[in-house]
Amino acid sequence: MVSWVTEVRTAEVKLVGDSGKAASGTQQRNVAVDAYRGLVMLLMMGEVLRFADVARSFPHSLLWRILSFNQSHVEWAGMSLHDMIQPSFTFLVGVALPYSLRSRRRRGETFQRMLAHTIWRSFLLVALGIFLRSTHSTSTYFTFEDTLTQIGLGYTFAFLLTFVRPRWQWTAFGVILFGYWLAWALYPAPGPNFPYASVGVPPGWHQHLFQGFASHWNKNSNLGQAFDVWFLNLFPRPTPFLFNDGGYLTLSFIPTLGTMLLGLAAGRWLIASTPGIPFRKFLIAAAALICAGLLLHFTGICPIVKRLWTPAWTLFSGGVCFLFLAAFSWIIDAKKHARLAFPLVVVGMNSIAAYLIAELFGDFVKSSFRINLGASALNIFGAALEPVVLGALTLGVYWLILFWMFRNKVFIRI
């Protein structure tokens, strides 16, 4: 355990992108970035704890209501901790890009080779996302709104933007968000008599609908919905695509690219400040982005809606990502508490493996515990807390698998 920090800092492995700090010509990993990524993946894997089910058994408990809220996506506007999983993962892909580019240049790779690998990586991310979405379907389920496909669709563009000056990266960021906002603003708003029931909006959900100009961003009555009705029906499907139950959209990959560009800036600042940490830049960026997102939301210009990945959400969630990165950097690099991050780093250094384990192994692990331990053991703290007990055991198995992979230097890479 004592030597794990050294092992991590000198490891030369690739995740969705390489992340590291250079020293004496060797690539060193940024432990704070790995720990942040580990927290993100742990939050995703932690869905097996099923806090929402427990909260229903304790309706008067503030603690369980808070835990349940932060392990669920908000219905529409706003943010919970769970809503920060996808933007954080996307942001960290951007953070890793400058490190990856620097590493490949040191190995003498040509631009053409790097671009070809990037395009291949983008394709694999999209394909993997579609595969995982299809595991419970009778045929290939072609949708493009999940985390992996959204990153894959924008990844090559983010890679290309690493080769331009920072001012042009910021210009691209502004053009992406403003252009996307303008396209939605110009698309006809649904109007007071829009048949929301026909696009999967239940009657009791109307409290989440916006009025006035902000109604351009109402559920399944917007530009992104119109695009998906056309685009997704180009693929073979058992039945025609009519709407996404959660309101998620393919076109969200465009503002998601904006989140990657924020991460790209963070990674660039980290490299430029080595061995220091650019806390001032992180905190200024966080404050500016959060305030800008809140201003757009409360003026009705653009609401903060994660499911649509609105420009206001890109700004607001990007600011929160900068705060997370600053916090992890302060604890691990400034205060030298790297060993406290070990459980998170085990997960963060194998993020693709963690993603696959959570998506593919959950039912098997949980059923194995039910069969071999039985109800009496799982209900040791009462039937109402069985989901937490079973979830904690399952989460422990996930971590042990990743720990074995870490100790044996087995890293799944794309």
Protein backbone atom coordinates (compact mmCIF):
# COMPACT_ATOMS: atom_id res chain seq x y z
CA MET A 1 0.00 0.00 0.00
CA VAL A 2 2.87 2.37 0.75
CA SER A 3 4.17 2.29 -2.81
CA TRP A 4 0.89 2.59 -4.67
CA VAL A 5 1.20 6.36 -5.19
CA THR A 6 4.51 5.89 -6.97
CA GLU A 7 3.02 3.08 -9.06
CA VAL A 8 0.09 5.24 -10.08
CA ARG A 9 2.14 8.33 -10.89
CA THR A 10 4.47 6.39 -13.19
CA ALA A 11 1.87 4.15 -14.82
CA GLU A 12 1.59 4.45 -18.58
CA VAL A 13 -1.97 3.35 -19.26
CA LYS A 14 -4.76 4.78 -21.35
CA LEU A 15 -8.39 5.24 -20.44
CA VAL A 16 -10.76 7.31 -22.56
CA GLY A 17 -7.66 9.49 -22.82
CA ASP A 18 -4.26 9.57 -21.13
CA SER A 19 -3.89 11.77 -18.06
CA GLY A 20 -0.58 12.49 -16.47
CA LYS A 21 2.10 14.96 -15.40
CA ALA A 22 5.48 15.06 -17.05
CA ALA A 23 8.68 14.82 -15.06
CA SER A 24 12.17 14.07 -16.37
CA GLY A 25 10.81 12.89 -19.69
CA THR A 26 8.51 10.22 -18.21
CA GLN A 27 4.76 10.34 -18.15
CA GLN A 28 3.24 10.58 -14.69
CA ARG A 29 -0.43 10.23 -13.90
CA ASN A 30 -2.36 12.98 -12.19
CA VAL A 31 -3.70 11.22 -9.10
CA ALA A 32 -6.26 13.98 -8.44
CA VAL A 33 -7.76 13.48 -11.89
CA ASP A 34 -7.88 9.70 -11.37
CA ALA A 35 -9.52 10.15 -7.96
CA TYR A 36 -12.15 12.53 -9.38
CA ARG A 37 -12.86 10.03 -12.17
CA GLY A 38 -13.08 7.30 -9.53
CA LEU A 39 -15.70 9.25 -7.58
CA VAL A 40 -17.72 9.70 -10.77
CA MET A 41 -17.67 5.99 -11.56
CA LEU A 42 -18.39 5.08 -7.94
CA LEU A 43 -21.48 7.28 -8.02
CA MET A 44 -22.61 5.45 -11.14
CA MET A 45 -21.91 1.99 -9.70
CA GLY A 46 -23.54 3.10 -6.45
CA GLU A 47 -26.97 2.98 -8.09
CA VAL A 48 -27.12 -0.60 -6.76
CA LEU A 49 -27.64 0.85 -3.26
CA ARG A 50 -31.18 1.88 -4.31
CA PHE A 51 -31.60 4.74 -1.88
CA ALA A 52 -34.93 5.69 -3.52
CA ASP A 53 -36.45 2.32 -2.55
CA VAL A 54 -35.30 2.74 1.06
CA ALA A 55 -36.59 6.34 1.17
CA ARG A 56 -40.07 5.09 0.33
CA SER A 57 -39.93 2.88 3.41
CA PHE A 58 -38.95 5.87 5.58
CA PRO A 59 -41.09 8.72 4.19
CA HIS A 60 -40.41 11.00 7.17
CA SER A 61 -36.63 10.62 7.14
CA LEU A 62 -34.79 13.70 5.87
CA LEU A 63 -31.56 11.70 5.53
CA TRP A 64 -33.06 9.13 3.18
CA ARG A 65 -34.85 11.83 1.15
CA ILE A 66 -31.52 13.62 0.64
CA LEU A 67 -29.74 10.39 -0.30
CA SER A 68 -32.56 9.43 -2.65
CA PHE A 69 -32.62 12.83 -4.33
CA ASN A 70 -28.89 12.79 -4.95
CA GLN A 71 -28.96 9.27 -6.39
CA SER A 72 -31.66 10.17 -8.91
CA HIS A 73 -31.86 12.49 -11.89
CA VAL A 74 -34.05 15.55 -11.41
CA GLU A 75 -37.22 15.43 -13.46
CA TRP A 76 -36.27 18.41 -15.63
CA ALA A 77 -34.76 21.70 -14.42
CA GLY A 78 -32.11 21.80 -11.72
CA MET A 79 -29.39 19.42 -10.57
CA SER A 80 -28.71 16.57 -8.16
CA LEU A 81 -25.35 14.95 -7.42
CA HIS A 82 -26.35 12.08 -9.72
CA ASP A 83 -26.81 14.56 -12.57
CA MET A 84 -23.11 15.42 -12.30
CA ILE A 85 -21.92 11.95 -13.32
CA GLN A 86 -22.12 12.44 -17.09
CA PRO A 87 -20.78 16.02 -17.23
CA SER A 88 -17.92 15.09 -14.89
CA PHE A 89 -16.95 12.08 -16.98
CA THR A 90 -17.15 14.20 -20.12
CA PHE A 91 -15.18 17.05 -18.53
CA LEU A 92 -12.43 14.60 -17.51
CA VAL A 93 -12.17 13.32 -21.07
CA GLY A 94 -11.31 16.90 -22.00
CA VAL A 95 -8.82 17.19 -19.13
CA ALA A 96 -7.02 14.09 -20.40
CA LEU A 97 -6.70 15.29 -24.00
CA PRO A 98 -3.70 17.64 -23.58
CA TYR A 99 -1.84 14.93 -21.65
CA SER A 100 -2.62 12.37 -24.32
CA LEU A 101 -1.49 14.68 -27.11
CA ARG A 102 1.77 15.49 -25.32
CA SER A 103 2.47 11.80 -24.70
CA ARG A 104 1.87 10.87 -28.33
CA ARG A 105 4.05 13.68 -29.60
CA ARG A 106 6.88 12.49 -27.36
CA ARG A 107 6.55 9.05 -28.90
CA GLY A 108 6.94 10.64 -32.32
CA GLU A 109 3.45 9.87 -33.62
CA THR A 110 2.36 11.80 -36.70
CA PHE A 111 -0.80 13.87 -36.83
CA GLN A 112 -2.31 11.46 -39.35
CA ARG A 113 -1.73 8.49 -37.04
CA MET A 114 -3.16 10.34 -34.04
CA LEU A 115 -6.22 11.41 -36.02
CA ALA A 116 -6.85 7.88 -37.29
CA HIS A 117 -6.63 6.53 -33.74
CA THR A 118 -8.97 9.26 -32.50
CA ILE A 119 -11.58 8.47 -35.15
CA TRP A 120 -11.32 4.77 -34.28
CA ARG A 121 -11.70 5.59 -30.58
CA SER A 122 -14.78 7.70 -31.32
CA PHE A 123 -16.31 4.86 -33.32
CA LEU A 124 -15.64 2.35 -30.53
CA LEU A 125 -17.21 4.61 -27.90
CA VAL A 126 -20.36 5.02 -30.00
CA ALA A 127 -20.50 1.30 -30.79
CA LEU A 128 -19.97 0.34 -27.14
CA GLY A 129 -22.72 2.70 -26.05
CA ILE A 130 -25.15 1.18 -28.55
CA PHE A 131 -24.14 -2.35 -27.52
CA LEU A 132 -24.79 -1.65 -23.84
CA ARG A 133 -28.14 -0.03 -24.65
CA SER A 134 -29.11 -3.16 -26.59
CA THR A 135 -28.37 -5.78 -23.93
CA HIS A 136 -32.03 -5.93 -22.83
CA SER A 137 -33.48 -5.55 -26.31
CA THR A 138 -34.50 -8.15 -28.90
CA SER A 139 -32.51 -6.29 -31.58
CA THR A 140 -29.86 -3.59 -31.83
CA TYR A 141 -31.25 -0.51 -30.10
CA PHE A 142 -29.99 2.47 -32.04
CA THR A 143 -29.98 5.50 -29.77
CA PHE A 144 -27.21 8.03 -29.22
CA GLU A 145 -28.05 9.84 -25.99
CA ASP A 146 -26.06 7.83 -23.43
CA THR A 147 -22.72 8.91 -21.96
CA LEU A 148 -20.41 6.86 -24.18
CA THR A 149 -22.09 7.66 -27.49
CA GLN A 150 -22.36 11.34 -26.67
CA ILE A 151 -18.63 11.48 -25.89
CA GLY A 152 -17.83 9.44 -28.97
CA LEU A 153 -19.77 11.76 -31.27
CA GLY A 154 -17.87 14.82 -30.09
CA TYR A 155 -14.47 13.35 -29.26
CA THR A 156 -12.81 13.78 -32.67
CA PHE A 157 -13.88 17.44 -32.81
CA ALA A 158 -12.40 18.02 -29.35
CA PHE A 159 -9.17 16.34 -30.45
CA LEU A 160 -8.88 18.60 -33.50
CA LEU A 161 -9.43 21.69 -31.35
CA THR A 162 -6.42 20.78 -29.18
CA PHE A 163 -4.24 21.85 -32.12
CA VAL A 164 -5.48 25.45 -32.22
CA ARG A 165 -4.62 28.34 -29.93
CA PRO A 166 -6.54 28.66 -26.64
CA ARG A 167 -8.35 31.79 -27.86
CA TRP A 168 -9.74 29.81 -30.79
CA GLN A 169 -10.78 27.01 -28.44
CA TRP A 170 -12.72 29.55 -26.38
CA THR A 171 -14.16 31.02 -29.57
CA ALA A 172 -15.31 27.55 -30.62
CA PHE A 173 -16.84 27.06 -27.17
CA GLY A 174 -18.82 30.30 -27.49
CA VAL A 175 -19.92 29.59 -31.05
CA ILE A 176 -21.08 26.08 -30.13
CA LEU A 177 -23.20 27.23 -27.19
CA PHE A 178 -24.60 30.36 -28.82
CA GLY A 179 -25.27 28.64 -32.14
CA TYR A 180 -27.02 25.74 -30.40
CA TRP A 181 -29.09 28.12 -28.27
CA LEU A 182 -30.05 30.18 -31.32
CA ALA A 183 -31.16 27.13 -33.30
CA TRP A 184 -33.47 26.11 -30.46
CA ALA A 185 -34.72 29.65 -29.95
CA LEU A 186 -35.64 29.95 -33.64
CA TYR A 187 -37.45 26.61 -33.72
CA PRO A 188 -41.21 27.10 -33.10
CA ALA A 189 -42.22 26.89 -29.43
CA PRO A 190 -44.87 24.25 -28.63
CA GLY A 191 -47.66 26.69 -27.78
CA PRO A 192 -50.42 26.38 -25.15
CA ASN A 193 -52.38 23.70 -27.01
CA PHE A 194 -49.48 21.40 -27.82
CA PRO A 195 -50.51 17.70 -27.39
CA TYR A 196 -47.87 16.74 -24.83
CA ALA A 197 -49.56 13.39 -24.15
CA SER A 198 -48.75 12.31 -27.71
CA VAL A 199 -45.02 12.65 -27.02
CA GLY A 200 -45.00 10.77 -23.72
CA VAL A 201 -45.53 13.60 -21.24
CA PRO A 202 -47.94 12.35 -18.54
CA PRO A 203 -50.62 14.71 -17.18
CA GLY A 204 -49.06 14.97 -13.71
CA TRP A 205 -45.77 16.08 -15.23
CA HIS A 206 -47.03 19.46 -16.46
CA GLN A 207 -45.67 21.26 -13.41
CA HIS A 208 -42.21 20.89 -15.02
CA LEU A 209 -43.20 22.61 -18.26
CA PHE A 210 -41.83 26.09 -18.89
CA GLN A 211 -43.93 29.05 -19.97
CA GLY A 212 -43.09 31.87 -22.35
CA PHE A 213 -39.76 31.93 -24.18
CA ALA A 214 -38.33 29.14 -22.03
CA SER A 215 -40.96 26.77 -23.45
CA HIS A 216 -38.57 26.21 -26.38
CA TRP A 217 -36.88 23.79 -23.96
CA ASN A 218 -39.96 21.81 -22.91
CA LYS A 219 -39.90 18.03 -22.96
CA ASN A 220 -40.24 16.29 -26.35
CA SER A 221 -41.56 19.41 -28.07
CA ASN A 222 -38.32 20.95 -29.25
CA LEU A 223 -35.75 21.00 -32.04
CA GLY A 224 -33.90 17.97 -30.72
CA GLN A 225 -37.08 15.91 -30.59
CA ALA A 226 -37.90 16.81 -34.21
CA PHE A 227 -34.38 15.80 -35.27
CA ASP A 228 -34.61 12.43 -33.51
CA VAL A 229 -37.99 11.60 -35.03
CA TRP A 230 -36.29 11.96 -38.42
CA PHE A 231 -32.80 10.64 -37.61
CA LEU A 232 -33.52 7.64 -35.39
CA ASN A 233 -36.13 6.31 -37.81
CA LEU A 234 -33.40 5.98 -40.44
CA PHE A 235 -32.17 2.94 -38.46
CA PRO A 236 -33.91 -0.45 -38.34
CA ARG A 237 -36.33 -0.56 -35.40
CA PRO A 238 -39.13 -2.92 -34.30
CA THR A 239 -41.47 0.08 -34.10
CA PRO A 240 -41.07 3.70 -35.27
CA PHE A 241 -39.33 6.06 -32.86
CA LEU A 242 -41.81 8.59 -31.45
CA PHE A 243 -40.08 10.04 -28.38
CA ASN A 244 -37.58 9.32 -25.62
CA ASP A 245 -39.28 8.71 -22.29
CA GLY A 246 -36.65 10.70 -20.42
CA GLY A 247 -36.49 13.54 -22.95
CA TYR A 248 -32.85 12.74 -23.86
CA LEU A 249 -31.63 13.67 -27.35
CA THR A 250 -28.99 12.81 -29.93
CA LEU A 251 -28.16 16.45 -30.62
CA SER A 252 -27.03 16.91 -27.03
CA PHE A 253 -23.58 15.80 -28.18
CA ILE A 254 -23.07 19.33 -29.54
CA PRO A 255 -23.20 21.19 -26.19
CA THR A 256 -21.57 18.12 -24.61
CA LEU A 257 -18.58 18.99 -26.79
CA GLY A 258 -18.61 22.32 -24.95
CA THR A 259 -18.16 20.44 -21.67
CA MET A 260 -15.19 18.62 -23.16
CA LEU A 261 -13.67 21.94 -24.19
CA LEU A 262 -13.95 23.19 -20.61
CA GLY A 263 -12.07 20.09 -19.52
CA LEU A 264 -9.51 20.75 -22.26
CA ALA A 265 -8.87 24.19 -20.76
CA ALA A 266 -8.49 22.65 -17.29
CA GLY A 267 -5.99 20.09 -18.58
CA ARG A 268 -4.03 22.78 -20.39
CA TRP A 269 -3.87 24.89 -17.21
CA LEU A 270 -2.73 21.90 -15.16
CA ILE A 271 0.14 21.17 -17.55
CA ALA A 272 1.20 24.83 -17.73
CA SER A 273 1.28 25.18 -13.93
CA THR A 274 3.16 21.93 -13.17
CA PRO A 275 4.24 21.26 -10.45
CA GLY A 276 1.78 23.79 -9.02
CA ILE A 277 -2.01 23.76 -9.22
CA PRO A 278 -3.91 26.63 -10.95
CA PHE A 279 -6.41 27.05 -8.11
CA ARG A 280 -7.06 30.70 -8.95
CA LYS A 281 -8.01 29.89 -12.55
CA PHE A 282 -10.16 26.94 -11.45
CA LEU A 283 -12.10 29.02 -8.93
CA ILE A 284 -12.55 32.01 -11.24
CA ALA A 285 -13.77 29.71 -14.02
CA ALA A 286 -16.13 27.95 -11.61
CA ALA A 287 -17.64 31.19 -10.34
CA ALA A 288 -18.02 32.69 -13.82
CA LEU A 289 -19.61 29.57 -15.33
CA ILE A 290 -22.01 28.94 -12.44
CA CYS A 291 -23.14 32.58 -12.37
CA ALA A 292 -23.59 32.63 -16.14
CA GLY A 293 -25.68 29.46 -16.06
CA LEU A 294 -27.86 30.76 -13.22
CA LEU A 295 -28.33 34.12 -14.98
CA LEU A 296 -29.53 32.43 -18.17
CA HIS A 297 -31.85 30.18 -16.18
CA PHE A 298 -33.52 32.76 -13.96
CA THR A 299 -33.94 35.32 -16.75
CA GLY A 300 -35.71 32.67 -18.83
CA ILE A 301 -33.18 33.00 -21.66
CA CYS A 302 -32.12 29.36 -21.35
CA PRO A 303 -33.06 26.98 -18.53
CA ILE A 304 -30.67 24.61 -16.76
CA VAL A 305 -31.83 21.19 -18.00
CA LYS A 306 -29.39 18.28 -17.92
CA ARG A 307 -31.60 15.93 -19.96
CA LEU A 308 -31.40 18.38 -22.89
CA TRP A 309 -27.84 19.47 -22.07
CA THR A 310 -28.88 23.06 -22.61
CA PRO A 311 -26.14 25.72 -22.99
CA ALA A 312 -27.05 26.94 -19.50
CA TRP A 313 -26.50 23.40 -18.19
CA THR A 314 -23.13 23.25 -19.97
CA LEU A 315 -22.07 26.43 -18.18
CA PHE A 316 -23.48 25.57 -14.76
CA SER A 317 -22.31 21.95 -14.64
CA GLY A 318 -18.93 22.96 -16.08
CA GLY A 319 -18.47 25.34 -13.19
CA VAL A 320 -19.26 22.57 -10.72
CA CYS A 321 -16.74 20.32 -12.48
CA PHE A 322 -14.04 22.96 -11.95
CA LEU A 323 -14.93 23.02 -8.24
CA PHE A 324 -14.63 19.23 -8.00
CA LEU A 325 -11.27 19.28 -9.77
CA ALA A 326 -10.02 22.09 -7.53
CA ALA A 327 -11.14 20.20 -4.41
CA PHE A 328 -9.43 16.96 -5.43
CA SER A 329 -6.27 18.81 -6.42
CA TRP A 330 -6.22 20.66 -3.09
CA ILE A 331 -6.66 17.49 -1.01
CA ILE A 332 -4.30 15.26 -2.99
CA ASP A 333 -1.63 17.59 -4.38
CA ALA A 334 -1.64 20.61 -2.07
CA LYS A 335 -2.32 18.80 1.22
CA LYS A 336 -0.49 15.60 0.20
CA HIS A 337 -3.32 13.26 1.19
CA ALA A 338 -2.94 11.04 -1.86
CA ARG A 339 -3.24 7.82 0.14
CA LEU A 340 -6.79 8.76 1.18
CA ALA A 341 -7.74 8.66 -2.50
CA PHE A 342 -6.59 5.06 -3.02
CA PRO A 343 -10.10 3.48 -3.13
CA LEU A 344 -11.18 6.05 -5.72
CA VAL A 345 -8.01 5.76 -7.81
CA VAL A 346 -8.51 1.99 -8.11
CA VAL A 347 -11.82 2.75 -9.81
CA GLY A 348 -10.71 5.85 -11.71
CA MET A 349 -7.74 4.19 -13.40
CA ASN A 350 -10.07 1.60 -14.93
CA SER A 351 -13.11 3.69 -15.77
CA ILE A 352 -14.14 1.72 -18.85
CA ALA A 353 -13.91 -1.53 -16.88
CA ALA A 354 -15.98 0.04 -14.08
CA TYR A 355 -18.58 1.16 -16.61
CA LEU A 356 -18.83 -2.32 -18.13
CA ILE A 357 -18.97 -4.05 -14.74
CA ALA A 358 -21.83 -1.83 -13.59
CA GLU A 359 -23.76 -2.30 -16.83
CA LEU A 360 -23.23 -6.03 -17.35
CA PHE A 361 -22.57 -7.77 -14.02
CA GLY A 362 -25.08 -6.21 -11.64
CA ASP A 363 -27.93 -8.69 -12.01
CA PHE A 364 -25.57 -11.67 -11.78
CA VAL A 365 -23.83 -10.45 -8.62
CA LYS A 366 -27.07 -9.50 -6.85
CA SER A 367 -28.80 -12.78 -7.71
CA SER A 368 -25.76 -14.71 -6.51
CA PHE A 369 -25.96 -13.02 -3.11
CA ARG A 370 -29.71 -13.67 -2.90
CA ILE A 371 -29.22 -17.35 -3.71
CA ASN A 372 -26.22 -18.02 -1.49
CA LEU A 373 -26.90 -15.75 1.48
CA GLY A 374 -30.68 -15.88 1.60
CA ALA A 375 -33.24 -13.41 2.87
CA SER A 376 -32.31 -13.79 6.55
CA ALA A 377 -28.77 -12.54 5.99
CA LEU A 378 -29.79 -9.73 3.65
CA ASN A 379 -32.49 -8.58 6.08
CA ILE A 380 -30.11 -8.42 9.04
CA PHE A 381 -31.01 -4.74 9.56
CA GLY A 382 -34.66 -5.17 8.57
CA ALA A 383 -36.45 -5.74 5.27
CA ALA A 384 -36.59 -2.00 4.53
CA LEU A 385 -32.79 -1.80 4.46
CA GLU A 386 -32.26 -4.92 2.35
CA PRO A 387 -31.58 -2.86 -0.83
CA VAL A 388 -28.69 -1.07 0.93
CA VAL A 389 -27.20 -4.29 2.31
CA LEU A 390 -27.43 -6.06 -1.04
CA GLY A 391 -26.17 -2.98 -2.84
CA ALA A 392 -23.20 -2.58 -0.50
CA LEU A 393 -22.21 -6.22 -1.02
CA THR A 394 -22.52 -5.81 -4.78
CA LEU A 395 -20.52 -2.60 -4.75
CA GLY A 396 -17.85 -4.35 -2.71
CA VAL A 397 -17.56 -7.07 -5.36
CA TYR A 398 -17.25 -4.43 -8.06
CA TRP A 399 -14.40 -2.75 -6.19
CA LEU A 400 -12.59 -6.01 -5.47
CA ILE A 401 -12.64 -6.87 -9.18
CA LEU A 402 -11.18 -3.47 -10.01
CA PHE A 403 -8.62 -3.80 -7.20
CA TRP A 404 -7.47 -7.15 -8.61
CA MET A 405 -7.14 -5.52 -12.03
CA PHE A 406 -5.19 -2.61 -10.49
CA ARG A 407 -2.74 -4.86 -8.64
CA ASN A 408 -2.18 -6.98 -11.75
CA LYS A 409 -1.92 -3.90 -14.01
CA VAL A 410 -4.88 -4.97 -16.13
CA PHE A 411 -6.44 -1.86 -17.65
CA ILE A 412 -9.15 -1.85 -20.28
CA ARG A 413 -8.39 0.86 -22.80
CA ILE A 414 -10.00 2.19 -25.95
